[in-house]
Amino acid sequence: MPDLSYLAAVQESYDTVASAYFEQVKPPADLDPLSRGMLNVFAEMVRTAGLGPVADLGCGPGKVTAYLAEQQVPAFGIDLSPAMVEVARGAYPHLRFDVGSMTSLPIQDDELGGVLAYYSTHHTPPPLLPVLFGEFHRALAPGGSLMLAGHVGADQRLRRTQAYGGNPVSYESYLLPPDRLAELLVGAGLVLTARLVEEPGEGATRTYATFLAHKPPRR
């Protein structure tokens, strides 16, 4: 059995910062054009395919889930943090939000038209990423789309003790090279469609990467 003890620290930390996170994190409409454009491309792919809903995994307070819904995409959110789910339900009562873990999704095989993991997998120790990506593949319908976005780096391991206005946290982040993430996605049986790497710009210190992939259709 994989060691999932890190999940307790992640859950407790995001329970602590849920309200501050909602206030401080930008909605998708205020993101840079590239980040917003990739979300729009993903939304169009899922909407056009019509294979099922999108699960926004690690949805936090639901801002991205709500953005997808505004793009006429049937979407719901899942997050490890009950406090985050409570905030999301309060902010977007017309949408569905559930508590759950990406390591064992409460979703049937081939159920989803899309999976969105938007800045939500970087707390996962790298040896466990195949578990997550395998769950993404399992839950996607054949032909369904995945969008994975997040921080990348040169095999960096970071630990934070404060975040979002000085609130105490105890999680770790793992920043992997884009090529390694791509290899792991392919290793999970997904087919890469596109990738975008955004270098640090004015006021930014990290590199970001977005991947679009899909589960192969049945022959």
Protein backbone atom coordinates (compact mmCIF):
# COMPACT_ATOMS: atom_id res chain seq x y z
CA MET A 1 0.00 0.00 0.00
CA PRO A 2 1.33 3.49 -0.80
CA ASP A 3 2.17 5.81 2.09
CA LEU A 4 -0.54 8.48 2.08
CA SER A 5 0.40 10.08 5.41
CA TYR A 6 1.22 13.37 3.66
CA LEU A 7 -2.50 13.88 3.01
CA ALA A 8 -3.18 14.71 6.66
CA ALA A 9 -0.84 17.71 6.57
CA VAL A 10 -2.28 18.90 3.27
CA GLN A 11 -5.87 18.63 4.52
CA GLU A 12 -5.16 20.35 7.84
CA SER A 13 -3.23 23.15 6.13
CA TYR A 14 -5.92 23.93 3.59
CA ASP A 15 -8.62 23.72 6.24
CA THR A 16 -6.69 26.46 8.05
CA VAL A 17 -6.29 28.78 5.06
CA ALA A 18 -9.61 28.17 3.26
CA SER A 19 -11.18 31.58 3.89
CA ALA A 20 -7.97 33.50 3.19
CA TYR A 21 -7.36 31.45 0.05
CA PHE A 22 -10.77 32.36 -1.32
CA GLU A 23 -10.10 36.06 -0.73
CA GLN A 24 -6.57 36.12 -2.13
CA VAL A 25 -6.50 33.77 -5.13
CA LYS A 26 -7.52 35.30 -8.45
CA PRO A 27 -10.53 33.98 -10.35
CA PRO A 28 -9.76 32.61 -13.84
CA ALA A 29 -11.17 35.73 -15.50
CA ASP A 30 -8.28 37.72 -13.95
CA LEU A 31 -5.50 35.32 -14.96
CA ASP A 32 -2.90 36.06 -17.62
CA PRO A 33 -4.03 35.45 -21.22
CA LEU A 34 -2.05 32.22 -21.64
CA SER A 35 -3.41 30.57 -18.50
CA ARG A 36 -6.94 31.66 -19.26
CA GLY A 37 -6.55 30.60 -22.89
CA MET A 38 -5.54 27.05 -21.95
CA LEU A 39 -8.57 26.75 -19.68
CA ASN A 40 -10.76 27.93 -22.54
CA VAL A 41 -9.23 25.40 -24.93
CA PHE A 42 -9.82 22.62 -22.42
CA ALA A 43 -13.42 23.75 -21.92
CA GLU A 44 -14.04 23.75 -25.66
CA MET A 45 -12.53 20.28 -26.09
CA VAL A 46 -14.74 18.80 -23.36
CA ARG A 47 -17.84 20.65 -24.48
CA THR A 48 -17.40 19.57 -28.09
CA ALA A 49 -16.74 15.92 -27.25
CA GLY A 50 -19.83 15.68 -25.04
CA LEU A 51 -18.54 12.59 -23.21
CA GLY A 52 -19.53 13.54 -19.67
CA PRO A 53 -18.85 16.02 -16.88
CA VAL A 54 -15.54 17.50 -15.78
CA ALA A 55 -14.19 16.75 -12.32
CA ASP A 56 -12.14 19.68 -11.00
CA LEU A 57 -9.78 17.77 -8.71
CA GLY A 58 -8.32 19.77 -5.86
CA CYS A 59 -10.93 22.40 -6.62
CA GLY A 60 -10.26 24.52 -3.53
CA PRO A 61 -12.94 27.19 -3.10
CA GLY A 62 -14.48 26.42 -6.48
CA LYS A 63 -13.50 29.43 -8.56
CA VAL A 64 -12.22 27.38 -11.48
CA THR A 65 -15.14 24.96 -11.28
CA ALA A 66 -17.49 27.93 -11.54
CA TYR A 67 -15.53 29.32 -14.50
CA LEU A 68 -15.95 26.05 -16.38
CA ALA A 69 -19.66 26.08 -15.65
CA GLU A 70 -19.82 29.60 -17.10
CA GLN A 71 -18.28 28.15 -20.26
CA GLN A 72 -21.24 25.76 -20.53
CA VAL A 73 -19.21 22.81 -19.29
CA PRO A 74 -20.92 20.45 -16.79
CA ALA A 75 -18.44 20.54 -13.92
CA PHE A 76 -18.19 19.58 -10.27
CA GLY A 77 -15.40 19.86 -7.72
CA ILE A 78 -13.61 17.48 -5.39
CA ASP A 79 -11.21 18.60 -2.68
CA LEU A 80 -9.40 16.95 0.22
CA SER A 81 -10.21 19.85 2.55
CA PRO A 82 -13.73 19.92 4.07
CA ALA A 83 -13.26 23.62 4.85
CA MET A 84 -12.49 24.37 1.19
CA VAL A 85 -15.56 22.42 0.11
CA GLU A 86 -17.68 24.36 2.60
CA VAL A 87 -16.41 27.68 1.19
CA ALA A 88 -17.06 26.48 -2.38
CA ARG A 89 -20.60 25.37 -1.57
CA GLY A 90 -21.29 28.73 0.06
CA ALA A 91 -19.93 30.71 -2.87
CA TYR A 92 -21.47 28.58 -5.63
CA PRO A 93 -24.54 26.84 -4.19
CA HIS A 94 -25.76 25.88 -7.66
CA LEU A 95 -22.72 23.63 -8.22
CA ARG A 96 -21.70 20.30 -6.72
CA PHE A 97 -18.64 20.00 -4.46
CA ASP A 98 -17.55 16.84 -2.66
CA VAL A 99 -14.83 15.93 -0.18
CA GLY A 100 -12.46 13.33 -1.60
CA SER A 101 -8.90 12.39 -2.48
CA MET A 102 -7.29 12.19 -5.90
CA THR A 103 -5.56 9.02 -4.75
CA SER A 104 -8.91 7.17 -4.71
CA LEU A 105 -11.58 9.03 -6.62
CA PRO A 106 -15.25 8.45 -5.77
CA ILE A 107 -15.93 8.11 -9.51
CA GLN A 108 -16.82 5.13 -11.68
CA ASP A 109 -14.58 3.88 -14.49
CA ASP A 110 -14.96 5.81 -17.77
CA GLU A 111 -17.39 8.28 -16.13
CA LEU A 112 -15.80 11.64 -16.94
CA GLY A 113 -15.56 13.68 -20.10
CA GLY A 114 -12.75 15.68 -18.53
CA VAL A 115 -10.37 15.85 -15.59
CA LEU A 116 -8.91 19.16 -14.44
CA ALA A 117 -5.99 19.17 -12.01
CA TYR A 118 -5.28 22.87 -11.68
CA TYR A 119 -2.33 23.58 -9.37
CA SER A 120 -3.43 20.67 -7.22
CA THR A 121 -0.91 17.84 -7.66
CA HIS A 122 2.32 19.52 -6.51
CA HIS A 123 1.87 18.40 -2.88
CA THR A 124 2.02 14.76 -3.98
CA PRO A 125 5.40 13.04 -3.45
CA PRO A 126 6.73 12.17 -6.92
CA PRO A 127 6.70 8.38 -6.35
CA LEU A 128 2.92 8.62 -5.86
CA LEU A 129 2.15 10.61 -9.01
CA PRO A 130 1.57 7.39 -11.00
CA VAL A 131 -1.24 6.59 -8.54
CA LEU A 132 -2.89 9.96 -9.27
CA PHE A 133 -2.40 9.81 -13.01
CA GLY A 134 -3.65 6.23 -13.05
CA GLU A 135 -6.83 7.40 -11.30
CA PHE A 136 -7.24 10.16 -13.88
CA HIS A 137 -6.97 7.60 -16.69
CA ARG A 138 -9.38 5.21 -14.99
CA ALA A 139 -12.06 7.83 -14.43
CA LEU A 140 -11.89 9.35 -17.92
CA ALA A 141 -14.16 8.10 -20.66
CA PRO A 142 -12.31 6.92 -23.78
CA GLY A 143 -11.59 10.09 -25.72
CA GLY A 144 -11.95 12.22 -22.57
CA SER A 145 -9.57 15.11 -21.93
CA LEU A 146 -7.19 15.99 -19.11
CA MET A 147 -5.73 19.36 -18.23
CA LEU A 148 -2.89 19.39 -15.72
CA ALA A 149 -1.38 22.72 -14.69
CA GLY A 150 1.05 23.70 -11.96
CA HIS A 151 4.46 24.78 -10.80
CA VAL A 152 7.50 23.04 -12.30
CA GLY A 153 11.20 23.06 -11.47
CA ALA A 154 14.38 21.04 -11.29
CA ASP A 155 13.39 18.33 -8.81
CA GLN A 156 12.82 20.82 -6.01
CA ARG A 157 11.28 19.97 -2.64
CA LEU A 158 9.89 22.94 -0.75
CA ARG A 159 8.36 23.14 2.72
CA ARG A 160 6.20 26.00 3.92
CA THR A 161 5.17 26.92 7.44
CA GLN A 162 3.06 29.98 6.58
CA ALA A 163 0.83 30.90 3.65
CA TYR A 164 -2.05 33.14 2.61
CA GLY A 165 -1.67 35.97 5.08
CA GLY A 166 0.63 34.23 7.55
CA ASN A 167 -1.66 31.34 8.38
CA PRO A 168 0.20 28.25 9.64
CA VAL A 169 0.65 25.39 7.18
CA SER A 170 2.75 22.24 7.16
CA TYR A 171 2.71 20.93 3.60
CA GLU A 172 5.51 20.21 1.15
CA SER A 173 5.59 20.96 -2.57
CA TYR A 174 7.49 19.06 -5.25
CA LEU A 175 8.49 20.87 -8.44
CA LEU A 176 9.40 18.46 -11.24
CA PRO A 177 10.75 19.14 -14.73
CA PRO A 178 8.05 19.36 -17.42
CA ASP A 179 9.57 16.45 -19.35
CA ARG A 180 9.26 14.19 -16.32
CA LEU A 181 5.62 15.09 -15.80
CA ALA A 182 4.98 14.40 -19.47
CA GLU A 183 6.61 10.98 -19.15
CA LEU A 184 4.46 10.13 -16.13
CA LEU A 185 1.27 11.11 -17.96
CA VAL A 186 2.22 8.94 -20.93
CA GLY A 187 3.16 6.13 -18.56
CA ALA A 188 -0.38 6.25 -17.15
CA GLY A 189 -1.77 5.53 -20.62
CA LEU A 190 -2.64 9.10 -21.60
CA VAL A 191 -1.79 10.70 -24.94
CA LEU A 192 -0.26 14.17 -24.80
CA THR A 193 -1.98 16.75 -27.00
CA ALA A 194 -0.09 19.92 -26.07
CA ARG A 195 2.09 21.50 -23.43
CA LEU A 196 2.77 25.11 -22.50
CA VAL A 197 5.66 26.27 -20.31
CA GLU A 198 5.43 29.81 -18.96
CA GLU A 199 8.73 31.27 -17.82
CA PRO A 200 8.87 33.66 -14.84
CA GLY A 201 7.75 37.15 -15.80
CA GLU A 202 7.59 40.46 -14.05
CA GLY A 203 6.83 39.90 -10.38
CA ALA A 204 6.89 36.09 -10.77
CA THR A 205 9.61 33.78 -9.52
CA ARG A 206 8.40 30.36 -10.67
CA THR A 207 7.94 28.51 -13.93
CA TYR A 208 4.50 27.09 -14.75
CA ALA A 209 3.48 24.32 -17.12
CA THR A 210 0.15 23.24 -18.54
CA PHE A 211 -0.46 19.88 -20.21
CA LEU A 212 -3.41 18.82 -22.33
CA ALA A 213 -3.86 15.08 -22.81
CA HIS A 214 -6.57 12.56 -23.57
CA LYS A 215 -7.46 8.96 -22.92
CA PRO A 216 -7.24 7.02 -26.18
CA PRO A 217 -10.65 6.23 -27.70
CA ARG A 218 -11.67 2.62 -27.98
CA ARG A 219 -10.87 0.98 -31.28
